[in-house]
Amino acid sequence: MRVIIDLCVVPLGVGVSVSEEIAACQRVIEDSGLEHRMHAYGTNIEGPWDEVMAVVKRCHEVVHEMGAPRITTTIKLGTRTDRTQSMADKVESVEAKLRDSQ
């Protein structure tokens, strides 16, 4: 099954700035080869369920290895069986409607 997730990993107990930990998690995502898009409050990732969830797990492992004693993560996810739809397809669908309404 394919899944699209919105992942937000928040290390706790490492200070105010968490950009180093987020960069490490982003490297994990990039190394996975999965389609992804980082945004201001997380990253969208798409691919086979088990591969995407393995990336989430690895992000936690890496951030803990960096010294974060706690991590809170928010995941929104979606699957569909009626057709194949990518992140780009979803965005293009809305952008097309915006263009049509002008």
N, C-alpha and C. Protein backbone atom coordinates (compact mmCIF):
# COMPACT_ATOMS: atom_id res chain seq x y z
N MET A 1 0.85 -1.17 0.00
CA MET A 1 0.00 0.00 0.00
C MET A 1 0.89 1.24 0.00
N ARG A 2 0.54 2.22 -0.81
CA ARG A 2 1.24 3.50 -0.84
C ARG A 2 0.61 4.45 0.16
N VAL A 3 1.44 5.35 0.69
CA VAL A 3 0.98 6.31 1.68
C VAL A 3 1.66 7.65 1.42
N ILE A 4 0.95 8.71 1.74
CA ILE A 4 1.52 10.05 1.78
C ILE A 4 1.39 10.51 3.22
N ILE A 5 2.52 10.94 3.82
CA ILE A 5 2.46 11.41 5.20
C ILE A 5 2.97 12.85 5.30
N ASP A 6 2.52 13.50 6.34
CA ASP A 6 3.06 14.78 6.75
C ASP A 6 3.70 14.51 8.10
N LEU A 7 5.02 14.62 8.16
CA LEU A 7 5.79 14.25 9.34
C LEU A 7 6.36 15.49 10.00
N CYS A 8 6.15 15.61 11.31
CA CYS A 8 6.72 16.70 12.09
C CYS A 8 7.38 16.08 13.33
N VAL A 9 8.70 16.08 13.35
CA VAL A 9 9.48 15.51 14.44
C VAL A 9 9.99 16.66 15.31
N VAL A 10 9.70 16.59 16.61
CA VAL A 10 10.11 17.66 17.52
C VAL A 10 10.94 17.05 18.65
N PRO A 11 12.26 17.25 18.61
CA PRO A 11 13.11 16.78 19.71
C PRO A 11 12.85 17.62 20.96
N LEU A 12 12.83 16.99 22.11
CA LEU A 12 12.64 17.69 23.39
C LEU A 12 13.88 17.50 24.25
N GLY A 13 14.20 18.52 25.02
CA GLY A 13 15.32 18.43 25.94
C GLY A 13 16.66 18.73 25.32
N VAL A 14 16.65 19.42 24.15
CA VAL A 14 17.92 19.73 23.47
C VAL A 14 18.14 21.23 23.33
N GLY A 15 17.27 22.03 23.90
CA GLY A 15 17.41 23.47 23.79
C GLY A 15 16.34 24.06 22.89
N VAL A 16 16.45 25.36 22.66
CA VAL A 16 15.45 26.08 21.89
C VAL A 16 15.55 25.76 20.40
N SER A 17 16.76 25.75 19.85
CA SER A 17 16.94 25.46 18.43
C SER A 17 17.04 23.95 18.21
N VAL A 18 16.29 23.45 17.26
CA VAL A 18 16.33 22.02 16.95
C VAL A 18 16.74 21.78 15.48
N SER A 19 17.31 22.79 14.85
CA SER A 19 17.62 22.69 13.42
C SER A 19 18.65 21.61 13.12
N GLU A 20 19.61 21.38 14.02
CA GLU A 20 20.61 20.32 13.78
C GLU A 20 19.93 18.94 13.74
N GLU A 21 19.03 18.71 14.68
CA GLU A 21 18.32 17.43 14.72
C GLU A 21 17.40 17.27 13.52
N ILE A 22 16.74 18.35 13.14
CA ILE A 22 15.85 18.29 11.98
C ILE A 22 16.66 18.05 10.71
N ALA A 23 17.82 18.67 10.60
CA ALA A 23 18.69 18.44 9.44
C ALA A 23 19.12 16.98 9.37
N ALA A 24 19.42 16.39 10.52
CA ALA A 24 19.80 14.97 10.55
C ALA A 24 18.64 14.09 10.09
N CYS A 25 17.44 14.41 10.54
CA CYS A 25 16.25 13.66 10.11
C CYS A 25 16.03 13.86 8.61
N GLN A 26 16.23 15.07 8.13
CA GLN A 26 16.07 15.34 6.70
C GLN A 26 17.05 14.53 5.88
N ARG A 27 18.29 14.35 6.38
CA ARG A 27 19.27 13.51 5.67
C ARG A 27 18.78 12.06 5.58
N VAL A 28 18.16 11.57 6.65
CA VAL A 28 17.59 10.22 6.64
C VAL A 28 16.54 10.12 5.53
N ILE A 29 15.68 11.11 5.46
CA ILE A 29 14.62 11.11 4.44
C ILE A 29 15.23 11.15 3.05
N GLU A 30 16.19 12.04 2.84
CA GLU A 30 16.83 12.15 1.53
C GLU A 30 17.53 10.85 1.14
N ASP A 31 18.22 10.23 2.09
CA ASP A 31 18.94 8.98 1.82
C ASP A 31 18.00 7.83 1.48
N SER A 32 16.73 7.95 1.88
CA SER A 32 15.77 6.87 1.62
C SER A 32 15.42 6.75 0.14
N GLY A 33 15.58 7.83 -0.59
CA GLY A 33 15.20 7.83 -2.00
C GLY A 33 13.72 8.03 -2.23
N LEU A 34 12.95 8.19 -1.16
CA LEU A 34 11.52 8.42 -1.30
C LEU A 34 11.25 9.85 -1.74
N GLU A 35 10.15 10.05 -2.45
CA GLU A 35 9.73 11.39 -2.84
C GLU A 35 9.37 12.15 -1.56
N HIS A 36 9.86 13.38 -1.45
CA HIS A 36 9.59 14.16 -0.23
C HIS A 36 9.66 15.65 -0.53
N ARG A 37 9.04 16.42 0.33
CA ARG A 37 9.08 17.88 0.26
C ARG A 37 9.09 18.43 1.68
N MET A 38 10.18 19.09 2.03
CA MET A 38 10.26 19.73 3.34
C MET A 38 9.50 21.05 3.28
N HIS A 39 8.82 21.40 4.37
CA HIS A 39 8.16 22.69 4.47
C HIS A 39 8.47 23.25 5.86
N ALA A 40 7.94 24.38 6.18
CA ALA A 40 8.33 25.09 7.41
C ALA A 40 8.06 24.31 8.69
N TYR A 41 7.05 23.47 8.71
CA TYR A 41 6.70 22.74 9.92
C TYR A 41 6.67 21.24 9.73
N GLY A 42 7.51 20.72 8.84
CA GLY A 42 7.58 19.28 8.65
C GLY A 42 7.99 18.91 7.25
N THR A 43 7.72 17.66 6.91
CA THR A 43 8.07 17.13 5.60
C THR A 43 6.97 16.19 5.13
N ASN A 44 6.58 16.33 3.88
CA ASN A 44 5.69 15.36 3.24
C ASN A 44 6.57 14.27 2.63
N ILE A 45 6.16 13.03 2.81
CA ILE A 45 6.88 11.89 2.26
C ILE A 45 5.86 10.96 1.63
N GLU A 46 6.19 10.40 0.46
CA GLU A 46 5.29 9.42 -0.16
C GLU A 46 6.07 8.20 -0.59
N GLY A 47 5.38 7.06 -0.56
CA GLY A 47 5.99 5.81 -0.99
C GLY A 47 5.27 4.62 -0.38
N PRO A 48 5.86 3.45 -0.53
CA PRO A 48 5.28 2.26 0.08
C PRO A 48 5.24 2.38 1.62
N TRP A 49 4.15 1.94 2.20
CA TRP A 49 3.90 2.08 3.64
C TRP A 49 5.12 1.69 4.47
N ASP A 50 5.63 0.48 4.27
CA ASP A 50 6.72 -0.01 5.12
C ASP A 50 7.98 0.83 4.98
N GLU A 51 8.28 1.30 3.78
CA GLU A 51 9.47 2.13 3.57
C GLU A 51 9.31 3.49 4.24
N VAL A 52 8.14 4.07 4.13
CA VAL A 52 7.90 5.38 4.75
C VAL A 52 7.98 5.25 6.27
N MET A 53 7.36 4.22 6.83
CA MET A 53 7.38 4.06 8.29
C MET A 53 8.79 3.72 8.79
N ALA A 54 9.58 3.03 7.97
CA ALA A 54 10.97 2.75 8.34
C ALA A 54 11.77 4.05 8.43
N VAL A 55 11.47 5.01 7.57
CA VAL A 55 12.13 6.31 7.61
C VAL A 55 11.75 7.05 8.89
N VAL A 56 10.49 7.00 9.27
CA VAL A 56 10.05 7.64 10.52
C VAL A 56 10.81 7.03 11.70
N LYS A 57 10.89 5.73 11.73
CA LYS A 57 11.62 5.04 12.81
C LYS A 57 13.08 5.45 12.82
N ARG A 58 13.70 5.49 11.64
CA ARG A 58 15.13 5.85 11.57
C ARG A 58 15.35 7.30 12.01
N CYS A 59 14.43 8.20 11.68
CA CYS A 59 14.54 9.58 12.15
C CYS A 59 14.59 9.61 13.68
N HIS A 60 13.72 8.84 14.30
CA HIS A 60 13.72 8.80 15.76
C HIS A 60 15.04 8.24 16.29
N GLU A 61 15.52 7.18 15.69
CA GLU A 61 16.78 6.59 16.15
C GLU A 61 17.93 7.59 16.05
N VAL A 62 18.03 8.28 14.93
CA VAL A 62 19.12 9.23 14.70
C VAL A 62 19.04 10.40 15.67
N VAL A 63 17.86 10.94 15.87
CA VAL A 63 17.71 12.09 16.76
C VAL A 63 17.99 11.68 18.21
N HIS A 64 17.57 10.48 18.61
CA HIS A 64 17.93 10.00 19.95
C HIS A 64 19.44 9.82 20.08
N GLU A 65 20.08 9.29 19.03
CA GLU A 65 21.54 9.10 19.04
C GLU A 65 22.27 10.44 19.19
N MET A 66 21.63 11.52 18.76
CA MET A 66 22.23 12.85 18.88
C MET A 66 22.08 13.42 20.30
N GLY A 67 21.36 12.72 21.16
CA GLY A 67 21.23 13.14 22.54
C GLY A 67 19.86 13.62 22.98
N ALA A 68 18.89 13.62 22.08
CA ALA A 68 17.54 14.03 22.48
C ALA A 68 16.93 12.94 23.35
N PRO A 69 16.60 13.28 24.61
CA PRO A 69 16.02 12.26 25.48
C PRO A 69 14.57 11.94 25.15
N ARG A 70 13.89 12.90 24.51
CA ARG A 70 12.48 12.70 24.15
C ARG A 70 12.24 13.28 22.76
N ILE A 71 11.27 12.69 22.08
CA ILE A 71 10.84 13.19 20.77
C ILE A 71 9.33 13.08 20.73
N THR A 72 8.68 14.13 20.28
CA THR A 72 7.26 14.05 20.01
C THR A 72 7.08 14.21 18.50
N THR A 73 6.31 13.35 17.91
CA THR A 73 6.13 13.36 16.46
C THR A 73 4.65 13.37 16.13
N THR A 74 4.31 14.21 15.17
CA THR A 74 2.95 14.25 14.65
C THR A 74 3.00 13.74 13.22
N ILE A 75 2.10 12.81 12.92
CA ILE A 75 2.00 12.27 11.57
C ILE A 75 0.56 12.36 11.12
N LYS A 76 0.37 12.98 9.97
CA LYS A 76 -0.92 12.88 9.28
C LYS A 76 -0.63 12.01 8.08
N LEU A 77 -1.53 11.09 7.78
CA LEU A 77 -1.27 10.22 6.64
C LEU A 77 -2.54 9.92 5.89
N GLY A 78 -2.34 9.61 4.63
CA GLY A 78 -3.48 9.27 3.79
C GLY A 78 -3.11 8.15 2.83
N THR A 79 -4.09 7.28 2.60
CA THR A 79 -3.95 6.22 1.61
C THR A 79 -5.20 6.22 0.76
N ARG A 80 -5.08 5.67 -0.42
CA ARG A 80 -6.29 5.48 -1.23
C ARG A 80 -6.09 4.26 -2.10
N THR A 81 -7.20 3.60 -2.40
CA THR A 81 -7.15 2.38 -3.19
C THR A 81 -7.84 2.53 -4.54
N ASP A 82 -8.57 3.64 -4.73
CA ASP A 82 -9.32 3.79 -5.97
C ASP A 82 -8.44 4.21 -7.15
N ARG A 83 -7.31 4.88 -6.86
CA ARG A 83 -6.39 5.27 -7.92
C ARG A 83 -5.07 5.69 -7.31
N THR A 84 -4.06 5.80 -8.14
CA THR A 84 -2.75 6.27 -7.70
C THR A 84 -2.74 7.79 -7.74
N GLN A 85 -2.28 8.41 -6.67
CA GLN A 85 -2.20 9.86 -6.62
C GLN A 85 -0.94 10.25 -5.84
N SER A 86 -0.12 11.10 -6.45
CA SER A 86 1.11 11.55 -5.80
C SER A 86 0.88 12.89 -5.10
N MET A 87 1.88 13.31 -4.34
CA MET A 87 1.82 14.63 -3.71
C MET A 87 1.67 15.70 -4.78
N ALA A 88 2.43 15.57 -5.85
CA ALA A 88 2.37 16.55 -6.94
C ALA A 88 0.98 16.59 -7.56
N ASP A 89 0.36 15.43 -7.73
CA ASP A 89 -1.00 15.38 -8.28
C ASP A 89 -1.98 16.16 -7.39
N LYS A 90 -1.86 15.98 -6.08
CA LYS A 90 -2.78 16.64 -5.16
C LYS A 90 -2.62 18.16 -5.23
N VAL A 91 -1.39 18.63 -5.27
CA VAL A 91 -1.14 20.07 -5.35
C VAL A 91 -1.62 20.62 -6.68
N GLU A 92 -1.32 19.92 -7.77
CA GLU A 92 -1.72 20.38 -9.09
C GLU A 92 -3.24 20.47 -9.21
N SER A 93 -3.96 19.56 -8.60
CA SER A 93 -5.41 19.59 -8.65
C SER A 93 -5.96 20.89 -8.06
N VAL A 94 -5.42 21.30 -6.92
CA VAL A 94 -5.87 22.54 -6.30
C VAL A 94 -5.41 23.75 -7.10
N GLU A 95 -4.16 23.72 -7.56
CA GLU A 95 -3.66 24.85 -8.35
C GLU A 95 -4.47 25.05 -9.63
N ALA A 96 -4.90 23.96 -10.26
CA ALA A 96 -5.72 24.06 -11.47
C ALA A 96 -7.06 24.74 -11.15
N LYS A 97 -7.64 24.39 -10.02
CA LYS A 97 -8.91 25.02 -9.63
C LYS A 97 -8.71 26.50 -9.34
N LEU A 98 -7.60 26.86 -8.74
CA LEU A 98 -7.30 28.26 -8.49
C LEU A 98 -7.15 29.03 -9.81
N ARG A 99 -6.47 28.43 -10.78
CA ARG A 99 -6.31 29.08 -12.08
C ARG A 99 -7.67 29.24 -12.78
N ASP A 100 -8.51 28.21 -12.67
CA ASP A 100 -9.82 28.23 -13.34
C ASP A 100 -10.74 29.28 -12.74
N SER A 101 -10.54 29.63 -11.47
CA SER A 101 -11.45 30.58 -10.82
C SER A 101 -11.04 32.03 -11.01
N GLN A 102 -9.96 32.26 -11.71
CA GLN A 102 -9.50 33.64 -11.91
C GLN A 102 -10.19 34.30 -13.06
